[in-house]
Amino acid sequence: MEDEYDKLIRRMNPPRVTIDNNSSADATVIHVESANKPGILLEVVQVLTDLNLVITKAYISSDGRWFMDGKIYDPS
């Protein structure tokens, strides 16, 4: 069961998404920052694949409480 502290951390720090079309000539860079929780990376990947986006490269960093990732290619 999730403790109240973890719930508070997520409420105070909602996920942040930055989309950058200028850093790469062949891909859109999507930078996601979020409070870490079990399964969050899977949720992010599922949303991107549901949008028919192709993940060509991912940089994932976590300090136990936070994670960051991403470089995405839209095939269309």
C-alpha atoms as a PDB file:
ATOM      1  CA  MET A   1       0.000   0.000   0.000  1.00  0.00           C
ATOM      2  CA  GLU A   2       1.258   3.448  -0.935  1.00  0.00           C
ATOM      3  CA  ASP A   3       2.160   5.630   2.005  1.00  0.00           C
ATOM      4  CA  GLU A   4       0.925   9.195   2.429  1.00  0.00           C
ATOM      5  CA  TYR A   5       4.392  10.690   1.860  1.00  0.00           C
ATOM      6  CA  ASP A   6       4.616   9.177  -1.645  1.00  0.00           C
ATOM      7  CA  LYS A   7       1.125  10.466  -2.476  1.00  0.00           C
ATOM      8  CA  LEU A   8       2.102  13.945  -1.287  1.00  0.00           C
ATOM      9  CA  ILE A   9       5.292  13.925  -3.385  1.00  0.00           C
ATOM     10  CA  ARG A  10       3.297  13.127  -6.551  1.00  0.00           C
ATOM     11  CA  ARG A  11       0.649  15.761  -5.811  1.00  0.00           C
ATOM     12  CA  MET A  12       3.273  18.439  -5.176  1.00  0.00           C
ATOM     13  CA  ASN A  13       5.381  17.448  -8.191  1.00  0.00           C
ATOM     14  CA  PRO A  14       3.162  16.552 -11.142  1.00  0.00           C
ATOM     15  CA  PRO A  15       4.852  15.108 -14.242  1.00  0.00           C
ATOM     16  CA  ARG A  16       6.516  17.642 -16.546  1.00  0.00           C
ATOM     17  CA  VAL A  17       6.833  17.032 -20.282  1.00  0.00           C
ATOM     18  CA  THR A  18       9.006  19.147 -22.597  1.00  0.00           C
ATOM     19  CA  ILE A  19       8.880  18.637 -26.371  1.00  0.00           C
ATOM     20  CA  ASP A  20      11.872  19.800 -28.437  1.00  0.00           C
ATOM     21  CA  ASN A  21      11.789  19.676 -32.245  1.00  0.00           C
ATOM     22  CA  ASN A  22      15.012  21.687 -32.687  1.00  0.00           C
ATOM     23  CA  SER A  23      17.700  19.626 -30.944  1.00  0.00           C
ATOM     24  CA  SER A  24      17.704  16.769 -33.447  1.00  0.00           C
ATOM     25  CA  ALA A  25      17.262  16.754 -37.227  1.00  0.00           C
ATOM     26  CA  ASP A  26      15.690  13.301 -37.321  1.00  0.00           C
ATOM     27  CA  ALA A  27      13.745  13.032 -34.074  1.00  0.00           C
ATOM     28  CA  THR A  28      11.648  14.910 -31.576  1.00  0.00           C
ATOM     29  CA  VAL A  29      13.150  14.978 -28.114  1.00  0.00           C
ATOM     30  CA  ILE A  30      10.581  14.420 -25.391  1.00  0.00           C
ATOM     31  CA  HIS A  31      11.864  15.078 -21.898  1.00  0.00           C
ATOM     32  CA  VAL A  32       9.706  13.606 -19.143  1.00  0.00           C
ATOM     33  CA  GLU A  33      10.278  14.284 -15.458  1.00  0.00           C
ATOM     34  CA  SER A  34       8.138  12.648 -12.821  1.00  0.00           C
ATOM     35  CA  ALA A  35       8.120  11.387  -9.298  1.00  0.00           C
ATOM     36  CA  ASN A  36       9.199   7.765  -9.567  1.00  0.00           C
ATOM     37  CA  LYS A  37       6.779   4.949  -8.817  1.00  0.00           C
ATOM     38  CA  PRO A  38       6.641   1.297  -9.840  1.00  0.00           C
ATOM     39  CA  GLY A  39       5.427   1.015 -13.430  1.00  0.00           C
ATOM     40  CA  ILE A  40       5.720   4.706 -14.388  1.00  0.00           C
ATOM     41  CA  LEU A  41       8.224   4.070 -17.185  1.00  0.00           C
ATOM     42  CA  LEU A  42       5.939   1.396 -18.642  1.00  0.00           C
ATOM     43  CA  GLU A  43       3.036   3.872 -18.543  1.00  0.00           C
ATOM     44  CA  VAL A  44       5.073   6.480 -20.454  1.00  0.00           C
ATOM     45  CA  VAL A  45       6.185   3.954 -23.086  1.00  0.00           C
ATOM     46  CA  GLN A  46       2.614   2.688 -23.484  1.00  0.00           C
ATOM     47  CA  VAL A  47       1.261   6.203 -24.090  1.00  0.00           C
ATOM     48  CA  LEU A  48       3.946   6.899 -26.701  1.00  0.00           C
ATOM     49  CA  THR A  49       3.353   3.621 -28.530  1.00  0.00           C
ATOM     50  CA  ASP A  50      -0.433   4.136 -28.377  1.00  0.00           C
ATOM     51  CA  LEU A  51       0.249   7.388 -30.272  1.00  0.00           C
ATOM     52  CA  ASN A  52       2.163   5.348 -32.899  1.00  0.00           C
ATOM     53  CA  LEU A  53       5.449   7.007 -31.991  1.00  0.00           C
ATOM     54  CA  VAL A  54       8.688   5.084 -32.384  1.00  0.00           C
ATOM     55  CA  ILE A  55      11.204   5.300 -29.559  1.00  0.00           C
ATOM     56  CA  THR A  56      14.626   5.329 -31.226  1.00  0.00           C
ATOM     57  CA  LYS A  57      16.690   6.105 -28.171  1.00  0.00           C
ATOM     58  CA  ALA A  58      15.948   6.566 -24.491  1.00  0.00           C
ATOM     59  CA  TYR A  59      18.117   7.969 -21.757  1.00  0.00           C
ATOM     60  CA  ILE A  60      16.645   7.064 -18.423  1.00  0.00           C
ATOM     61  CA  SER A  61      17.897   8.423 -15.156  1.00  0.00           C
ATOM     62  CA  SER A  62      16.540   7.855 -11.687  1.00  0.00           C
ATOM     63  CA  ASP A  63      17.697   8.796  -8.236  1.00  0.00           C
ATOM     64  CA  GLY A  64      15.097   6.578  -6.599  1.00  0.00           C
ATOM     65  CA  ARG A  65      12.484   9.329  -6.350  1.00  0.00           C
ATOM     66  CA  TRP A  66      12.629  10.847  -9.892  1.00  0.00           C
ATOM     67  CA  PHE A  67      13.128   9.618 -13.433  1.00  0.00           C
ATOM     68  CA  MET A  68      13.831  11.328 -16.771  1.00  0.00           C
ATOM     69  CA  ASP A  69      13.988  10.094 -20.361  1.00  0.00           C
ATOM     70  CA  GLY A  70      13.729  10.464 -24.040  1.00  0.00           C
ATOM     71  CA  LYS A  71      14.261  10.771 -27.773  1.00  0.00           C
ATOM     72  CA  ILE A  72      11.272   9.895 -29.959  1.00  0.00           C
ATOM     73  CA  TYR A  73      10.755   9.573 -33.721  1.00  0.00           C
ATOM     74  CA  ASP A  74       7.355  10.054 -35.362  1.00  0.00           C
ATOM     75  CA  PRO A  75       7.305   7.871 -38.494  1.00  0.00           C
ATOM     76  CA  SER A  76       4.576   9.903 -40.202  1.00  0.00           C
END
